[in-house]
Protein backbone atom coordinates (compact mmCIF):
# COMPACT_ATOMS: atom_id res chain seq x y z
CA MET A 1 -0.08 -0.09 0.09
CA ASN A 2 3.11 2.22 0.18
CA ASN A 3 2.78 3.37 -3.51
CA VAL A 4 -0.93 4.58 -3.02
CA LYS A 5 -0.88 8.47 -2.87
CA LEU A 6 -3.54 11.14 -2.36
CA LEU A 7 -2.45 13.78 -4.95
CA GLU A 8 -3.32 17.39 -4.37
CA LEU A 9 -4.21 18.96 -7.66
CA PRO A 10 -3.73 22.70 -8.40
CA LYS A 11 -6.57 24.81 -7.26
CA ILE A 12 -7.19 28.28 -8.65
CA LEU A 13 -9.49 30.25 -6.46
CA ASP A 14 -11.80 32.91 -8.03
CA GLU A 15 -14.82 34.70 -6.82
CA ARG A 16 -16.61 33.64 -10.00
CA GLY A 17 -15.96 29.93 -9.33
CA ASN A 18 -12.87 27.85 -8.76
CA LEU A 19 -10.81 25.81 -11.16
CA SER A 20 -8.82 22.68 -10.80
CA PHE A 21 -6.79 20.77 -13.52
CA PHE A 22 -4.21 18.21 -14.13
CA GLN A 23 -1.70 18.03 -17.13
CA GLY A 24 1.02 15.69 -17.89
CA PRO A 25 3.65 14.43 -15.22
CA GLU A 26 3.44 17.56 -13.05
CA GLN A 27 0.09 16.26 -11.49
CA ILE A 28 -0.44 12.84 -12.71
CA PRO A 29 2.34 10.08 -12.54
CA PHE A 30 1.80 8.64 -15.97
CA ALA A 31 0.72 9.36 -19.56
CA ILE A 32 -3.10 9.26 -19.75
CA LYS A 33 -4.28 6.54 -22.18
CA ARG A 34 -8.04 6.20 -20.99
CA THR A 35 -10.58 8.42 -19.12
CA TYR A 36 -14.01 7.25 -17.92
CA TRP A 37 -16.49 8.31 -15.32
CA ILE A 38 -18.87 6.66 -13.02
CA TYR A 39 -22.21 8.34 -12.18
CA ASP A 40 -25.92 7.59 -11.29
CA VAL A 41 -24.95 4.87 -8.81
CA PRO A 42 -27.99 3.62 -7.06
CA GLY A 43 -27.96 3.84 -3.33
CA GLY A 44 -26.04 0.94 -1.47
CA GLN A 45 -24.36 -0.09 -4.85
CA GLN A 46 -20.67 -0.66 -5.20
CA ARG A 47 -18.28 -0.41 -8.28
CA GLY A 48 -14.95 -1.81 -8.83
CA GLY A 49 -14.35 -5.11 -6.91
CA HIS A 50 -11.18 -5.98 -8.92
CA ALA A 51 -7.45 -5.38 -9.36
CA TYR A 52 -5.43 -4.77 -12.39
CA ARG A 53 -2.43 -6.69 -13.39
CA GLU A 54 -0.61 -3.71 -14.94
CA LEU A 55 -2.94 -0.75 -15.16
CA HIS A 56 -2.47 2.35 -12.86
CA GLU A 57 -5.12 4.96 -12.30
CA VAL A 58 -6.08 8.17 -10.52
CA ILE A 59 -9.62 8.38 -9.13
CA ILE A 60 -11.01 12.01 -8.59
CA ALA A 61 -14.52 12.87 -6.97
CA LEU A 62 -15.65 15.68 -9.44
CA SER A 63 -18.96 16.05 -7.66
CA GLY A 64 -20.33 14.63 -4.32
CA SER A 65 -18.42 11.99 -2.46
CA PHE A 66 -17.62 8.28 -2.28
CA ASP A 67 -15.17 5.93 -0.60
CA VAL A 68 -12.44 4.04 -2.34
CA VAL A 69 -11.65 0.92 -0.31
CA LEU A 70 -8.14 -0.54 -1.13
CA HIS A 71 -6.73 -3.84 -0.28
CA ASP A 72 -3.02 -4.92 -0.76
CA GLY A 73 -3.71 -8.66 0.03
CA VAL A 74 -2.98 -8.08 3.71
CA LYS A 75 -4.28 -4.79 4.72
CA GLU A 76 -7.34 -2.69 3.84
CA GLN A 77 -7.51 1.14 3.75
CA ARG A 78 -10.49 3.38 3.13
CA PHE A 79 -10.11 6.95 1.47
CA THR A 80 -13.18 9.24 1.32
CA LEU A 81 -12.97 11.43 -1.69
CA ASN A 82 -15.08 14.54 -1.53
CA ARG A 83 -13.10 17.45 -3.13
CA SER A 84 -12.41 17.72 -6.76
CA TYR A 85 -8.88 18.92 -6.20
CA TYR A 86 -7.74 15.60 -4.66
CA GLY A 87 -6.97 12.52 -6.81
CA LEU A 88 -6.19 9.14 -5.44
CA TYR A 89 -3.28 7.29 -7.23
CA VAL A 90 -3.90 3.61 -7.19
CA PRO A 91 -1.00 1.51 -8.75
CA ASN A 92 -1.45 -1.77 -10.47
CA MET A 93 -2.12 -5.07 -8.27
CA ILE A 94 -4.14 -3.19 -5.61
CA TRP A 95 -7.67 -4.50 -5.07
CA ARG A 96 -10.15 -1.72 -5.20
CA THR A 97 -13.95 -1.20 -4.40
CA ILE A 98 -15.90 2.13 -4.54
CA ASP A 99 -18.73 2.54 -2.38
CA ASN A 100 -20.74 5.02 -0.18
CA PHE A 101 -21.73 7.15 -3.28
CA SER A 102 -23.66 10.32 -2.39
CA THR A 103 -26.51 11.62 -4.44
CA ASN A 104 -25.35 13.00 -7.76
CA SER A 105 -21.74 11.92 -7.07
CA LEU A 106 -19.37 11.80 -10.17
CA ALA A 107 -16.17 9.74 -10.19
CA LEU A 108 -13.52 10.53 -12.87
CA ILE A 109 -10.91 7.84 -13.52
CA VAL A 110 -7.96 8.40 -15.76
CA SER A 111 -5.59 5.43 -16.30
CA ASP A 112 -2.26 4.73 -18.12
CA GLN A 113 -3.80 2.03 -20.35
CA ALA A 114 -6.67 1.55 -22.64
CA TYR A 115 -9.37 -0.88 -21.64
CA ASN A 116 -8.11 -4.58 -21.68
CA SER A 117 -10.44 -7.25 -20.19
CA GLU A 118 -7.28 -9.54 -19.71
CA ASP A 119 -5.71 -7.06 -17.25
CA TYR A 120 -8.45 -7.46 -14.70
CA VAL A 121 -8.32 -9.81 -11.60
CA ARG A 122 -11.97 -10.20 -10.59
CA ASP A 123 -11.62 -12.99 -7.95
CA PHE A 124 -10.35 -11.79 -4.64
CA ASP A 125 -8.83 -15.30 -3.71
CA GLU A 126 -7.00 -15.24 -7.08
CA TYR A 127 -5.78 -11.86 -6.32
CA LYS A 128 -4.45 -12.82 -2.91
CA ASN A 129 -2.73 -15.77 -4.58
CA LEU A 130 -1.12 -13.65 -7.23
CA LYS A 131 0.18 -11.04 -4.61
CA HIS A 132 1.68 -13.77 -2.34
CA ALA A 133 3.35 -15.44 -5.31
CA ASN A 134 5.43 -12.20 -5.98
């Protein structure tokens, strides 16, 4: 879990409304190959429930709040994301689940790879076996 990082993104305050951004390696520790977002999650539902063999990602709460629950095969850690100027960097081979979505929450995820179904580890026991094999 040592490589997981909460990234503080630039925040430009303005009386007309604030602005945050990320661009290149100054804020995000990889070249972005894919961007997607999660929204309209029904109450009580979870997203995620997997790990990636190779993919790295940053998760940002653009609106509302949600919890990102990470597990490294031994220890679990919960991060509440509720500010659009923070991003959670999640490296490969970390199990992730996203839950506790507030009404109208919007999760933005940027990753270093395009979608590849073969990169997913969707069974937690298989994940733990892979982690202990390394």
